[in-house]
Amino acid sequence: MANVRNLKKDINYVLGDIIEAVYVWEYSNTDKDTKKSEAIIDEAIETFDLLIAKVNKAQVEDKKAHFKSITAELEEKGRALIEKINKLS
């Protein structure tokens, strides 16, 4: 099922890029407190675990709608995390 494989890759790439962006911010702002940035990383990891669990859910009535909702949730949560990165000071 290529759709599931691609969705898992998208989840991995999006959240991995967000975590990488936080690490870049931390590296370029070594004089600032990293508690907020570490919280963003933790939230990204929790989101990853949640979305992968939803993708792996076996008993779903409408698979197409299920995967679309996961994709929408990934986009929504990804944008929220990016906003949090942009607000770091």
N, C-alpha and C. Protein backbone atom coordinates (compact mmCIF):
# COMPACT_ATOMS: atom_id res chain seq x y z
N MET A 1 0.84 -1.17 0.00
CA MET A 1 0.00 0.00 0.00
C MET A 1 0.89 1.24 0.00
N ALA A 2 1.15 1.77 -1.14
CA ALA A 2 2.07 2.89 -1.32
C ALA A 2 1.60 4.13 -0.59
N ASN A 3 0.31 4.34 -0.49
CA ASN A 3 -0.22 5.52 0.17
C ASN A 3 0.21 5.57 1.64
N VAL A 4 0.16 4.45 2.31
CA VAL A 4 0.57 4.40 3.72
C VAL A 4 2.07 4.68 3.83
N ARG A 5 2.84 4.10 2.97
CA ARG A 5 4.29 4.30 3.00
C ARG A 5 4.63 5.78 2.78
N ASN A 6 3.98 6.41 1.80
CA ASN A 6 4.24 7.82 1.52
C ASN A 6 3.78 8.71 2.66
N LEU A 7 2.66 8.37 3.28
CA LEU A 7 2.16 9.16 4.41
C LEU A 7 3.14 9.07 5.58
N LYS A 8 3.66 7.89 5.84
CA LYS A 8 4.65 7.73 6.91
C LYS A 8 5.91 8.53 6.60
N LYS A 9 6.34 8.53 5.35
CA LYS A 9 7.51 9.31 4.96
C LYS A 9 7.25 10.80 5.15
N ASP A 10 6.05 11.26 4.75
CA ASP A 10 5.71 12.67 4.93
C ASP A 10 5.74 13.08 6.39
N ILE A 11 5.17 12.24 7.25
CA ILE A 11 5.17 12.52 8.68
C ILE A 11 6.60 12.62 9.19
N ASN A 12 7.42 11.68 8.79
CA ASN A 12 8.82 11.66 9.22
C ASN A 12 9.58 12.89 8.73
N TYR A 13 9.42 13.23 7.46
CA TYR A 13 10.15 14.37 6.89
C TYR A 13 9.70 15.69 7.51
N VAL A 14 8.40 15.90 7.62
CA VAL A 14 7.89 17.17 8.13
C VAL A 14 8.34 17.39 9.57
N LEU A 15 8.10 16.41 10.41
CA LEU A 15 8.45 16.58 11.82
C LEU A 15 9.96 16.54 12.03
N GLY A 16 10.67 15.79 11.21
CA GLY A 16 12.13 15.79 11.28
C GLY A 16 12.71 17.15 10.91
N ASP A 17 12.13 17.78 9.89
CA ASP A 17 12.59 19.11 9.49
C ASP A 17 12.30 20.15 10.58
N ILE A 18 11.17 20.00 11.26
CA ILE A 18 10.83 20.92 12.34
C ILE A 18 11.83 20.77 13.48
N ILE A 19 12.15 19.54 13.84
CA ILE A 19 13.14 19.31 14.90
C ILE A 19 14.50 19.86 14.48
N GLU A 20 14.86 19.66 13.24
CA GLU A 20 16.13 20.19 12.75
C GLU A 20 16.16 21.71 12.82
N ALA A 21 15.04 22.35 12.50
CA ALA A 21 14.96 23.81 12.57
C ALA A 21 15.14 24.30 14.01
N VAL A 22 14.62 23.56 14.96
CA VAL A 22 14.81 23.93 16.37
C VAL A 22 16.28 23.80 16.74
N TYR A 23 16.92 22.73 16.29
CA TYR A 23 18.35 22.56 16.59
C TYR A 23 19.18 23.68 15.97
N VAL A 24 18.82 24.10 14.78
CA VAL A 24 19.53 25.21 14.14
C VAL A 24 19.34 26.49 14.96
N TRP A 25 18.11 26.72 15.42
CA TRP A 25 17.85 27.90 16.25
C TRP A 25 18.68 27.84 17.53
N GLU A 26 18.71 26.67 18.17
CA GLU A 26 19.49 26.53 19.41
C GLU A 26 20.98 26.77 19.15
N TYR A 27 21.47 26.27 18.02
CA TYR A 27 22.89 26.44 17.69
C TYR A 27 23.23 27.90 17.43
N SER A 28 22.33 28.62 16.80
CA SER A 28 22.60 30.02 16.48
C SER A 28 22.26 30.97 17.63
N ASN A 29 21.60 30.47 18.66
CA ASN A 29 21.24 31.29 19.82
C ASN A 29 21.72 30.61 21.10
N THR A 30 23.02 30.39 21.18
CA THR A 30 23.57 29.65 22.32
C THR A 30 23.42 30.40 23.64
N ASP A 31 23.23 31.70 23.59
CA ASP A 31 23.12 32.49 24.81
C ASP A 31 21.70 32.51 25.38
N LYS A 32 20.74 31.92 24.69
CA LYS A 32 19.35 31.96 25.12
C LYS A 32 18.94 30.65 25.78
N ASP A 33 17.90 30.74 26.60
CA ASP A 33 17.36 29.57 27.31
C ASP A 33 16.70 28.62 26.30
N THR A 34 16.93 27.34 26.47
CA THR A 34 16.42 26.35 25.51
C THR A 34 15.21 25.58 26.01
N LYS A 35 14.60 26.01 27.11
CA LYS A 35 13.44 25.28 27.63
C LYS A 35 12.28 25.29 26.64
N LYS A 36 12.02 26.43 26.03
CA LYS A 36 10.91 26.52 25.07
C LYS A 36 11.21 25.70 23.80
N SER A 37 12.44 25.76 23.35
CA SER A 37 12.79 25.01 22.14
C SER A 37 12.76 23.50 22.40
N GLU A 38 13.18 23.08 23.59
CA GLU A 38 13.11 21.67 23.94
C GLU A 38 11.66 21.19 24.04
N ALA A 39 10.77 22.08 24.49
CA ALA A 39 9.35 21.74 24.55
C ALA A 39 8.78 21.55 23.15
N ILE A 40 9.26 22.33 22.19
CA ILE A 40 8.82 22.18 20.80
C ILE A 40 9.27 20.83 20.25
N ILE A 41 10.49 20.44 20.56
CA ILE A 41 11.00 19.15 20.11
C ILE A 41 10.17 18.02 20.72
N ASP A 42 9.89 18.13 22.02
CA ASP A 42 9.07 17.11 22.68
C ASP A 42 7.68 17.02 22.05
N GLU A 43 7.10 18.17 21.73
CA GLU A 43 5.78 18.18 21.10
C GLU A 43 5.83 17.56 19.71
N ALA A 44 6.90 17.81 18.97
CA ALA A 44 7.05 17.22 17.64
C ALA A 44 7.16 15.69 17.74
N ILE A 45 7.88 15.21 18.73
CA ILE A 45 8.02 13.77 18.91
C ILE A 45 6.69 13.14 19.31
N GLU A 46 5.95 13.81 20.19
CA GLU A 46 4.63 13.31 20.58
C GLU A 46 3.68 13.28 19.38
N THR A 47 3.74 14.31 18.56
CA THR A 47 2.91 14.37 17.37
C THR A 47 3.27 13.24 16.42
N PHE A 48 4.56 12.99 16.25
CA PHE A 48 5.01 11.89 15.40
C PHE A 48 4.43 10.57 15.89
N ASP A 49 4.57 10.30 17.19
CA ASP A 49 4.06 9.05 17.75
C ASP A 49 2.56 8.92 17.56
N LEU A 50 1.83 10.00 17.78
CA LEU A 50 0.38 10.00 17.64
C LEU A 50 -0.04 9.72 16.20
N LEU A 51 0.59 10.41 15.25
CA LEU A 51 0.21 10.25 13.85
C LEU A 51 0.58 8.87 13.31
N ILE A 52 1.73 8.36 13.68
CA ILE A 52 2.12 7.02 13.23
C ILE A 52 1.17 5.98 13.80
N ALA A 53 0.75 6.16 15.05
CA ALA A 53 -0.22 5.23 15.64
C ALA A 53 -1.54 5.27 14.88
N LYS A 54 -1.94 6.46 14.46
CA LYS A 54 -3.18 6.57 13.68
C LYS A 54 -3.03 5.91 12.31
N VAL A 55 -1.88 6.06 11.68
CA VAL A 55 -1.65 5.43 10.37
C VAL A 55 -1.69 3.92 10.51
N ASN A 56 -1.13 3.40 11.58
CA ASN A 56 -1.05 1.95 11.77
C ASN A 56 -2.34 1.33 12.29
N LYS A 57 -3.33 2.14 12.58
CA LYS A 57 -4.60 1.62 13.08
C LYS A 57 -5.21 0.70 12.02
N ALA A 58 -5.51 -0.53 12.41
CA ALA A 58 -5.94 -1.55 11.46
C ALA A 58 -7.42 -1.47 11.10
N GLN A 59 -8.26 -1.28 12.07
CA GLN A 59 -9.71 -1.32 11.83
C GLN A 59 -10.25 0.08 11.57
N VAL A 60 -10.37 0.43 10.29
CA VAL A 60 -10.90 1.72 9.88
C VAL A 60 -11.95 1.47 8.82
N GLU A 61 -13.08 2.15 8.93
CA GLU A 61 -14.16 1.94 7.96
C GLU A 61 -13.80 2.52 6.59
N ASP A 62 -13.47 3.80 6.55
CA ASP A 62 -13.17 4.48 5.29
C ASP A 62 -11.70 4.89 5.32
N LYS A 63 -10.86 4.06 4.69
CA LYS A 63 -9.41 4.30 4.76
C LYS A 63 -9.02 5.61 4.09
N LYS A 64 -9.65 5.93 2.97
CA LYS A 64 -9.29 7.15 2.25
C LYS A 64 -9.56 8.38 3.12
N ALA A 65 -10.71 8.43 3.75
CA ALA A 65 -11.04 9.56 4.63
C ALA A 65 -10.13 9.58 5.85
N HIS A 66 -9.80 8.40 6.35
CA HIS A 66 -8.91 8.30 7.52
C HIS A 66 -7.54 8.88 7.20
N PHE A 67 -6.97 8.52 6.05
CA PHE A 67 -5.65 9.02 5.68
C PHE A 67 -5.70 10.51 5.35
N LYS A 68 -6.80 10.99 4.78
CA LYS A 68 -6.93 12.42 4.51
C LYS A 68 -6.96 13.21 5.81
N SER A 69 -7.65 12.67 6.81
CA SER A 69 -7.70 13.37 8.09
C SER A 69 -6.33 13.40 8.76
N ILE A 70 -5.56 12.34 8.60
CA ILE A 70 -4.20 12.30 9.16
C ILE A 70 -3.32 13.33 8.45
N THR A 71 -3.45 13.41 7.14
CA THR A 71 -2.68 14.40 6.38
C THR A 71 -3.04 15.81 6.80
N ALA A 72 -4.33 16.08 6.99
CA ALA A 72 -4.76 17.41 7.43
C ALA A 72 -4.24 17.71 8.83
N GLU A 73 -4.25 16.72 9.69
CA GLU A 73 -3.75 16.91 11.05
C GLU A 73 -2.25 17.17 11.05
N LEU A 74 -1.52 16.48 10.19
CA LEU A 74 -0.08 16.71 10.06
C LEU A 74 0.18 18.15 9.63
N GLU A 75 -0.57 18.61 8.66
CA GLU A 75 -0.39 19.98 8.16
C GLU A 75 -0.71 20.99 9.26
N GLU A 76 -1.79 20.77 9.96
CA GLU A 76 -2.21 21.69 11.02
C GLU A 76 -1.19 21.74 12.16
N LYS A 77 -0.77 20.59 12.63
CA LYS A 77 0.17 20.54 13.75
C LYS A 77 1.55 21.02 13.31
N GLY A 78 1.93 20.72 12.07
CA GLY A 78 3.21 21.19 11.56
C GLY A 78 3.26 22.71 11.50
N ARG A 79 2.19 23.31 11.02
CA ARG A 79 2.15 24.78 10.97
C ARG A 79 2.20 25.38 12.37
N ALA A 80 1.50 24.76 13.32
CA ALA A 80 1.51 25.26 14.69
C ALA A 80 2.91 25.20 15.28
N LEU A 81 3.62 24.11 15.02
CA LEU A 81 4.99 23.99 15.53
C LEU A 81 5.91 25.00 14.87
N ILE A 82 5.73 25.24 13.58
CA ILE A 82 6.55 26.24 12.88
C ILE A 82 6.29 27.64 13.46
N GLU A 83 5.05 27.94 13.78
CA GLU A 83 4.73 29.21 14.39
C GLU A 83 5.44 29.36 15.73
N LYS A 84 5.47 28.28 16.50
CA LYS A 84 6.16 28.31 17.79
C LYS A 84 7.65 28.55 17.60
N ILE A 85 8.24 27.96 16.57
CA ILE A 85 9.66 28.19 16.28
C ILE A 85 9.88 29.64 15.92
N ASN A 86 8.99 30.19 15.10
CA ASN A 86 9.14 31.59 14.69
C ASN A 86 9.00 32.57 15.86
N LYS A 87 8.28 32.16 16.91
CA LYS A 87 8.08 33.04 18.06
C LYS A 87 9.20 32.94 19.09
N LEU A 88 10.11 32.01 18.92
CA LEU A 88 11.23 31.89 19.85
C LEU A 88 12.05 33.16 19.80
N SER A 89 12.48 33.62 20.97
CA SER A 89 13.28 34.85 20.99
C SER A 89 14.54 34.69 21.80
